[in-house]
PDB file of all heavy atoms in Angstrom:
ATOM      1  N   ALA A   1      -7.597   5.053  16.359  1.00  0.00           N
ATOM      2  CA  ALA A   1      -8.223   4.390  17.507  1.00  0.00           C
ATOM      3  C   ALA A   1      -8.475   2.912  17.266  1.00  0.00           C
ATOM      4  O   ALA A   1      -8.998   2.228  18.151  1.00  0.00           O
ATOM      5  CB  ALA A   1      -9.532   5.095  17.846  1.00  0.00           C
ATOM      6  N   GLY A   2      -8.122   2.440  16.087  1.00  0.00           N
ATOM      7  CA  GLY A   2      -8.328   1.033  15.788  1.00  0.00           C
ATOM      8  C   GLY A   2      -9.678   0.712  15.193  1.00  0.00           C
ATOM      9  O   GLY A   2      -9.986  -0.461  14.946  1.00  0.00           O
ATOM     10  N   MET A   3     -10.480   1.735  14.945  1.00  0.00           N
ATOM     11  CA  MET A   3     -11.786   1.501  14.331  1.00  0.00           C
ATOM     12  C   MET A   3     -11.645   1.390  12.813  1.00  0.00           C
ATOM     13  O   MET A   3     -10.828   2.073  12.204  1.00  0.00           O
ATOM     14  CB  MET A   3     -12.744   2.648  14.682  1.00  0.00           C
ATOM     15  CG  MET A   3     -13.043   2.774  16.171  1.00  0.00           C
ATOM     16  SD  MET A   3     -14.225   4.088  16.515  1.00  0.00           S
ATOM     17  CE  MET A   3     -15.663   3.476  15.636  1.00  0.00           C
ATOM     18  N   ALA A   4     -12.458   0.511  12.230  1.00  0.00           N
ATOM     19  CA  ALA A   4     -12.367   0.270  10.790  1.00  0.00           C
ATOM     20  C   ALA A   4     -12.875   1.468  10.001  1.00  0.00           C
ATOM     21  O   ALA A   4     -13.975   1.977  10.256  1.00  0.00           O
ATOM     22  CB  ALA A   4     -13.141  -0.982  10.420  1.00  0.00           C
ATOM     23  N   ILE A   5     -12.061   1.917   9.060  1.00  0.00           N
ATOM     24  CA  ILE A   5     -12.472   2.950   8.111  1.00  0.00           C
ATOM     25  C   ILE A   5     -13.132   2.303   6.897  1.00  0.00           C
ATOM     26  O   ILE A   5     -14.130   2.775   6.368  1.00  0.00           O
ATOM     27  CB  ILE A   5     -11.255   3.786   7.652  1.00  0.00           C
ATOM     28  CG1 ILE A   5     -10.619   4.504   8.829  1.00  0.00           C
ATOM     29  CG2 ILE A   5     -11.655   4.788   6.565  1.00  0.00           C
ATOM     30  CD1 ILE A   5      -9.304   5.193   8.480  1.00  0.00           C
ATOM     31  N   ASP A   6     -12.557   1.173   6.481  1.00  0.00           N
ATOM     32  CA  ASP A   6     -13.011   0.492   5.273  1.00  0.00           C
ATOM     33  C   ASP A   6     -12.407  -0.903   5.269  1.00  0.00           C
ATOM     34  O   ASP A   6     -11.554  -1.241   6.109  1.00  0.00           O
ATOM     35  CB  ASP A   6     -12.549   1.275   4.027  1.00  0.00           C
ATOM     36  CG  ASP A   6     -13.253   0.837   2.745  1.00  0.00           C
ATOM     37  OD1 ASP A   6     -14.178   0.001   2.827  1.00  0.00           O
ATOM     38  OD2 ASP A   6     -12.871   1.339   1.670  1.00  0.00           O
ATOM     39  N   GLN A   7     -12.830  -1.724   4.338  1.00  0.00           N
ATOM     40  CA  GLN A   7     -12.235  -3.018   4.081  1.00  0.00           C
ATOM     41  C   GLN A   7     -11.790  -3.065   2.627  1.00  0.00           C
ATOM     42  O   GLN A   7     -12.471  -2.528   1.745  1.00  0.00           O
ATOM     43  CB  GLN A   7     -13.230  -4.162   4.327  1.00  0.00           C
ATOM     44  CG  GLN A   7     -13.598  -4.369   5.782  1.00  0.00           C
ATOM     45  CD  GLN A   7     -14.589  -5.518   5.942  1.00  0.00           C
ATOM     46  OE1 GLN A   7     -15.450  -5.701   5.088  1.00  0.00           O
ATOM     47  NE2 GLN A   7     -14.458  -6.262   7.020  1.00  0.00           N
ATOM     48  N   GLY A   8     -10.622  -3.689   2.370  1.00  0.00           N
ATOM     49  CA  GLY A   8     -10.162  -3.735   0.997  1.00  0.00           C
ATOM     50  C   GLY A   8      -8.878  -4.513   0.834  1.00  0.00           C
ATOM     51  O   GLY A   8      -8.528  -5.346   1.686  1.00  0.00           O
ATOM     52  N   ILE A   9      -8.174  -4.230  -0.234  1.00  0.00           N
ATOM     53  CA  ILE A   9      -6.948  -4.922  -0.586  1.00  0.00           C
ATOM     54  C   ILE A   9      -5.762  -3.981  -0.409  1.00  0.00           C
ATOM     55  O   ILE A   9      -5.787  -2.835  -0.865  1.00  0.00           O
ATOM     56  CB  ILE A   9      -6.979  -5.412  -2.055  1.00  0.00           C
ATOM     57  CG1 ILE A   9      -8.166  -6.342  -2.274  1.00  0.00           C
ATOM     58  CG2 ILE A   9      -5.676  -6.101  -2.432  1.00  0.00           C
ATOM     59  CD1 ILE A   9      -8.098  -7.630  -1.487  1.00  0.00           C
ATOM     60  N   ALA A  10      -4.705  -4.482   0.247  1.00  0.00           N
ATOM     61  CA  ALA A  10      -3.468  -3.730   0.424  1.00  0.00           C
ATOM     62  C   ALA A  10      -2.367  -4.407  -0.384  1.00  0.00           C
ATOM     63  O   ALA A  10      -2.192  -5.625  -0.305  1.00  0.00           O
ATOM     64  CB  ALA A  10      -3.080  -3.653   1.894  1.00  0.00           C
ATOM     65  N   LEU A  11      -1.631  -3.619  -1.157  1.00  0.00           N
ATOM     66  CA  LEU A  11      -0.524  -4.107  -1.981  1.00  0.00           C
ATOM     67  C   LEU A  11       0.730  -3.321  -1.635  1.00  0.00           C
ATOM     68  O   LEU A  11       0.702  -2.084  -1.594  1.00  0.00           O
ATOM     69  CB  LEU A  11      -0.834  -3.943  -3.470  1.00  0.00           C
ATOM     70  CG  LEU A  11      -1.967  -4.803  -4.037  1.00  0.00           C
ATOM     71  CD1 LEU A  11      -2.339  -4.312  -5.431  1.00  0.00           C
ATOM     72  CD2 LEU A  11      -1.551  -6.261  -4.094  1.00  0.00           C
ATOM     73  N   TYR A  12       1.812  -4.057  -1.408  1.00  0.00           N
ATOM     74  CA  TYR A  12       3.081  -3.415  -1.049  1.00  0.00           C
ATOM     75  C   TYR A  12       4.141  -3.759  -2.086  1.00  0.00           C
ATOM     76  O   TYR A  12       4.358  -4.922  -2.419  1.00  0.00           O
ATOM     77  CB  TYR A  12       3.526  -3.875   0.339  1.00  0.00           C
ATOM     78  CG  TYR A  12       4.915  -3.417   0.735  1.00  0.00           C
ATOM     79  CD1 TYR A  12       5.184  -2.057   0.915  1.00  0.00           C
ATOM     80  CD2 TYR A  12       5.946  -4.335   0.933  1.00  0.00           C
ATOM     81  CE1 TYR A  12       6.453  -1.632   1.277  1.00  0.00           C
ATOM     82  CE2 TYR A  12       7.217  -3.919   1.307  1.00  0.00           C
ATOM     83  CZ  TYR A  12       7.467  -2.563   1.470  1.00  0.00           C
ATOM     84  OH  TYR A  12       8.718  -2.135   1.827  1.00  0.00           O
ATOM     85  N   PHE A  13       4.799  -2.718  -2.624  1.00  0.00           N
ATOM     86  CA  PHE A  13       5.873  -2.890  -3.590  1.00  0.00           C
ATOM     87  C   PHE A  13       7.143  -2.286  -2.995  1.00  0.00           C
ATOM     88  O   PHE A  13       7.164  -1.095  -2.684  1.00  0.00           O
ATOM     89  CB  PHE A  13       5.548  -2.191  -4.907  1.00  0.00           C
ATOM     90  CG  PHE A  13       4.249  -2.642  -5.530  1.00  0.00           C
ATOM     91  CD1 PHE A  13       3.047  -2.016  -5.182  1.00  0.00           C
ATOM     92  CD2 PHE A  13       4.216  -3.674  -6.445  1.00  0.00           C
ATOM     93  CE1 PHE A  13       1.848  -2.426  -5.746  1.00  0.00           C
ATOM     94  CE2 PHE A  13       3.026  -4.089  -7.015  1.00  0.00           C
ATOM     95  CZ  PHE A  13       1.839  -3.470  -6.663  1.00  0.00           C
ATOM     96  N   ALA A  14       8.176  -3.109  -2.825  1.00  0.00           N
ATOM     97  CA  ALA A  14       9.414  -2.630  -2.219  1.00  0.00           C
ATOM     98  C   ALA A  14      10.305  -1.991  -3.264  1.00  0.00           C
ATOM     99  O   ALA A  14      10.378  -2.446  -4.410  1.00  0.00           O
ATOM    100  CB  ALA A  14      10.146  -3.786  -1.541  1.00  0.00           C
ATOM    101  N   ALA A  15      10.987  -0.937  -2.859  1.00  0.00           N
ATOM    102  CA  ALA A  15      11.953  -0.281  -3.756  1.00  0.00           C
ATOM    103  C   ALA A  15      13.076  -1.263  -4.108  1.00  0.00           C
ATOM    104  O   ALA A  15      13.453  -2.105  -3.284  1.00  0.00           O
ATOM    105  CB  ALA A  15      12.523   0.956  -3.067  1.00  0.00           C
ATOM    106  N   PRO A  16      13.601  -1.182  -5.334  1.00  0.00           N
ATOM    107  CA  PRO A  16      13.273  -0.235  -6.412  1.00  0.00           C
ATOM    108  C   PRO A  16      12.236  -0.781  -7.398  1.00  0.00           C
ATOM    109  O   PRO A  16      11.999  -0.149  -8.419  1.00  0.00           O
ATOM    110  CB  PRO A  16      14.617  -0.041  -7.098  1.00  0.00           C
ATOM    111  CG  PRO A  16      15.257  -1.394  -6.999  1.00  0.00           C
ATOM    112  CD  PRO A  16      14.828  -1.950  -5.662  1.00  0.00           C
ATOM    113  N   ALA A  17      11.666  -1.956  -7.100  1.00  0.00           N
ATOM    114  CA  ALA A  17      10.747  -2.611  -8.045  1.00  0.00           C
ATOM    115  C   ALA A  17       9.331  -2.075  -7.874  1.00  0.00           C
ATOM    116  O   ALA A  17       8.418  -2.772  -7.428  1.00  0.00           O
ATOM    117  CB  ALA A  17      10.777  -4.122  -7.854  1.00  0.00           C
ATOM    118  N   SER A  18       9.157  -0.797  -8.230  1.00  0.00           N
ATOM    119  CA  SER A  18       7.839  -0.170  -8.140  1.00  0.00           C
ATOM    120  C   SER A  18       7.749   0.908  -9.203  1.00  0.00           C
ATOM    121  O   SER A  18       8.739   1.227  -9.871  1.00  0.00           O
ATOM    122  CB  SER A  18       7.628   0.455  -6.751  1.00  0.00           C
ATOM    123  OG  SER A  18       8.456   1.591  -6.587  1.00  0.00           O
ATOM    124  N   PHE A  19       6.574   1.491  -9.354  1.00  0.00           N
ATOM    125  CA  PHE A  19       6.385   2.531 -10.361  1.00  0.00           C
ATOM    126  C   PHE A  19       7.305   3.715 -10.117  1.00  0.00           C
ATOM    127  O   PHE A  19       7.925   4.246 -11.043  1.00  0.00           O
ATOM    128  CB  PHE A  19       4.923   2.989 -10.365  1.00  0.00           C
ATOM    129  CG  PHE A  19       4.660   4.162 -11.264  1.00  0.00           C
ATOM    130  CD1 PHE A  19       4.651   4.014 -12.636  1.00  0.00           C
ATOM    131  CD2 PHE A  19       4.420   5.430 -10.733  1.00  0.00           C
ATOM    132  CE1 PHE A  19       4.415   5.092 -13.485  1.00  0.00           C
ATOM    133  CE2 PHE A  19       4.186   6.520 -11.563  1.00  0.00           C
ATOM    134  CZ  PHE A  19       4.185   6.344 -12.946  1.00  0.00           C
ATOM    135  N   THR A  20       7.433   4.149  -8.867  1.00  0.00           N
ATOM    136  CA  THR A  20       8.245   5.327  -8.555  1.00  0.00           C
ATOM    137  C   THR A  20       9.704   4.991  -8.280  1.00  0.00           C
ATOM    138  O   THR A  20      10.538   5.891  -8.221  1.00  0.00           O
ATOM    139  CB  THR A  20       7.690   6.067  -7.329  1.00  0.00           C
ATOM    140  OG1 THR A  20       7.766   5.190  -6.195  1.00  0.00           O
ATOM    141  CG2 THR A  20       6.253   6.505  -7.545  1.00  0.00           C
ATOM    142  N   GLY A  21      10.021   3.696  -8.099  1.00  0.00           N
ATOM    143  CA  GLY A  21      11.366   3.316  -7.697  1.00  0.00           C
ATOM    144  C   GLY A  21      11.557   3.384  -6.191  1.00  0.00           C
ATOM    145  O   GLY A  21      12.630   3.040  -5.680  1.00  0.00           O
ATOM    146  N   GLU A  22      10.530   3.810  -5.461  1.00  0.00           N
ATOM    147  CA  GLU A  22      10.536   3.846  -3.999  1.00  0.00           C
ATOM    148  C   GLU A  22       9.592   2.763  -3.482  1.00  0.00           C
ATOM    149  O   GLU A  22       8.929   2.079  -4.266  1.00  0.00           O
ATOM    150  CB  GLU A  22      10.065   5.214  -3.498  1.00  0.00           C
ATOM    151  CG  GLU A  22      10.839   6.389  -4.073  1.00  0.00           C
ATOM    152  CD  GLU A  22      10.172   7.723  -3.763  1.00  0.00           C
ATOM    153  OE1 GLU A  22       8.954   7.746  -3.533  1.00  0.00           O
ATOM    154  OE2 GLU A  22      10.882   8.731  -3.758  1.00  0.00           O
ATOM    155  N   ASP A  23       9.522   2.602  -2.152  1.00  0.00           N
ATOM    156  CA  ASP A  23       8.452   1.781  -1.589  1.00  0.00           C
ATOM    157  C   ASP A  23       7.115   2.393  -1.995  1.00  0.00           C
ATOM    158  O   ASP A  23       6.932   3.616  -1.930  1.00  0.00           O
ATOM    159  CB  ASP A  23       8.529   1.745  -0.065  1.00  0.00           C
ATOM    160  CG  ASP A  23       9.637   0.827   0.453  1.00  0.00           C
ATOM    161  OD1 ASP A  23      10.341   0.236  -0.393  1.00  0.00           O
ATOM    162  OD2 ASP A  23       9.786   0.713   1.677  1.00  0.00           O
ATOM    163  N   VAL A  24       6.193   1.553  -2.425  1.00  0.00           N
ATOM    164  CA  VAL A  24       4.861   2.024  -2.790  1.00  0.00           C
ATOM    165  C   VAL A  24       3.833   1.135  -2.085  1.00  0.00           C
ATOM    166  O   VAL A  24       3.933  -0.091  -2.100  1.00  0.00           O
ATOM    167  CB  VAL A  24       4.630   1.973  -4.316  1.00  0.00           C
ATOM    168  CG1 VAL A  24       3.157   2.240  -4.646  1.00  0.00           C
ATOM    169  CG2 VAL A  24       5.508   3.000  -5.016  1.00  0.00           C
ATOM    170  N   LEU A  25       2.843   1.774  -1.478  1.00  0.00           N
ATOM    171  CA  LEU A  25       1.734   1.075  -0.831  1.00  0.00           C
ATOM    172  C   LEU A  25       0.442   1.544  -1.476  1.00  0.00           C
ATOM    173  O   LEU A  25       0.199   2.746  -1.575  1.00  0.00           O
ATOM    174  CB  LEU A  25       1.714   1.387   0.673  1.00  0.00           C
ATOM    175  CG  LEU A  25       0.548   0.803   1.485  1.00  0.00           C
ATOM    176  CD1 LEU A  25       0.560  -0.722   1.457  1.00  0.00           C
ATOM    177  CD2 LEU A  25       0.595   1.322   2.928  1.00  0.00           C
ATOM    178  N   GLU A  26      -0.354   0.585  -1.948  1.00  0.00           N
ATOM    179  CA  GLU A  26      -1.654   0.914  -2.529  1.00  0.00           C
ATOM    180  C   GLU A  26      -2.745   0.291  -1.683  1.00  0.00           C
ATOM    181  O   GLU A  26      -2.732  -0.907  -1.400  1.00  0.00           O
ATOM    182  CB  GLU A  26      -1.755   0.425  -3.975  1.00  0.00           C
ATOM    183  CG  GLU A  26      -0.928   1.242  -4.942  1.00  0.00           C
ATOM    184  CD  GLU A  26      -1.336   1.039  -6.396  1.00  0.00           C
ATOM    185  OE1 GLU A  26      -2.218   0.176  -6.641  1.00  0.00           O
ATOM    186  OE2 GLU A  26      -0.784   1.730  -7.259  1.00  0.00           O
ATOM    187  N   LEU A  27      -3.686   1.123  -1.291  1.00  0.00           N
ATOM    188  CA  LEU A  27      -4.835   0.700  -0.501  1.00  0.00           C
ATOM    189  C   LEU A  27      -6.066   0.808  -1.391  1.00  0.00           C
ATOM    190  O   LEU A  27      -6.481   1.894  -1.768  1.00  0.00           O
ATOM    191  CB  LEU A  27      -4.979   1.589   0.736  1.00  0.00           C
ATOM    192  CG  LEU A  27      -3.734   1.657   1.646  1.00  0.00           C
ATOM    193  CD1 LEU A  27      -3.932   2.685   2.744  1.00  0.00           C
ATOM    194  CD2 LEU A  27      -3.408   0.290   2.231  1.00  0.00           C
ATOM    195  N   GLN A  28      -6.616  -0.340  -1.758  1.00  0.00           N
ATOM    196  CA  GLN A  28      -7.745  -0.403  -2.672  1.00  0.00           C
ATOM    197  C   GLN A  28      -9.011  -0.722  -1.883  1.00  0.00           C
ATOM    198  O   GLN A  28      -9.188  -1.826  -1.395  1.00  0.00           O
ATOM    199  CB  GLN A  28      -7.507  -1.472  -3.743  1.00  0.00           C
ATOM    200  CG  GLN A  28      -6.232  -1.252  -4.536  1.00  0.00           C
ATOM    201  CD  GLN A  28      -5.992  -2.330  -5.561  1.00  0.00           C
ATOM    202  OE1 GLN A  28      -6.812  -3.221  -5.747  1.00  0.00           O
ATOM    203  NE2 GLN A  28      -4.853  -2.260  -6.244  1.00  0.00           N
TER     204      GLN A  28
END
């Protein structure tokens, strides 16, 4: 609904340069 759940840092790692070799998104 667009309401805030939390505030934080978002990090995006594109494949293959990530831990799993896939796209990885971390929400801190």
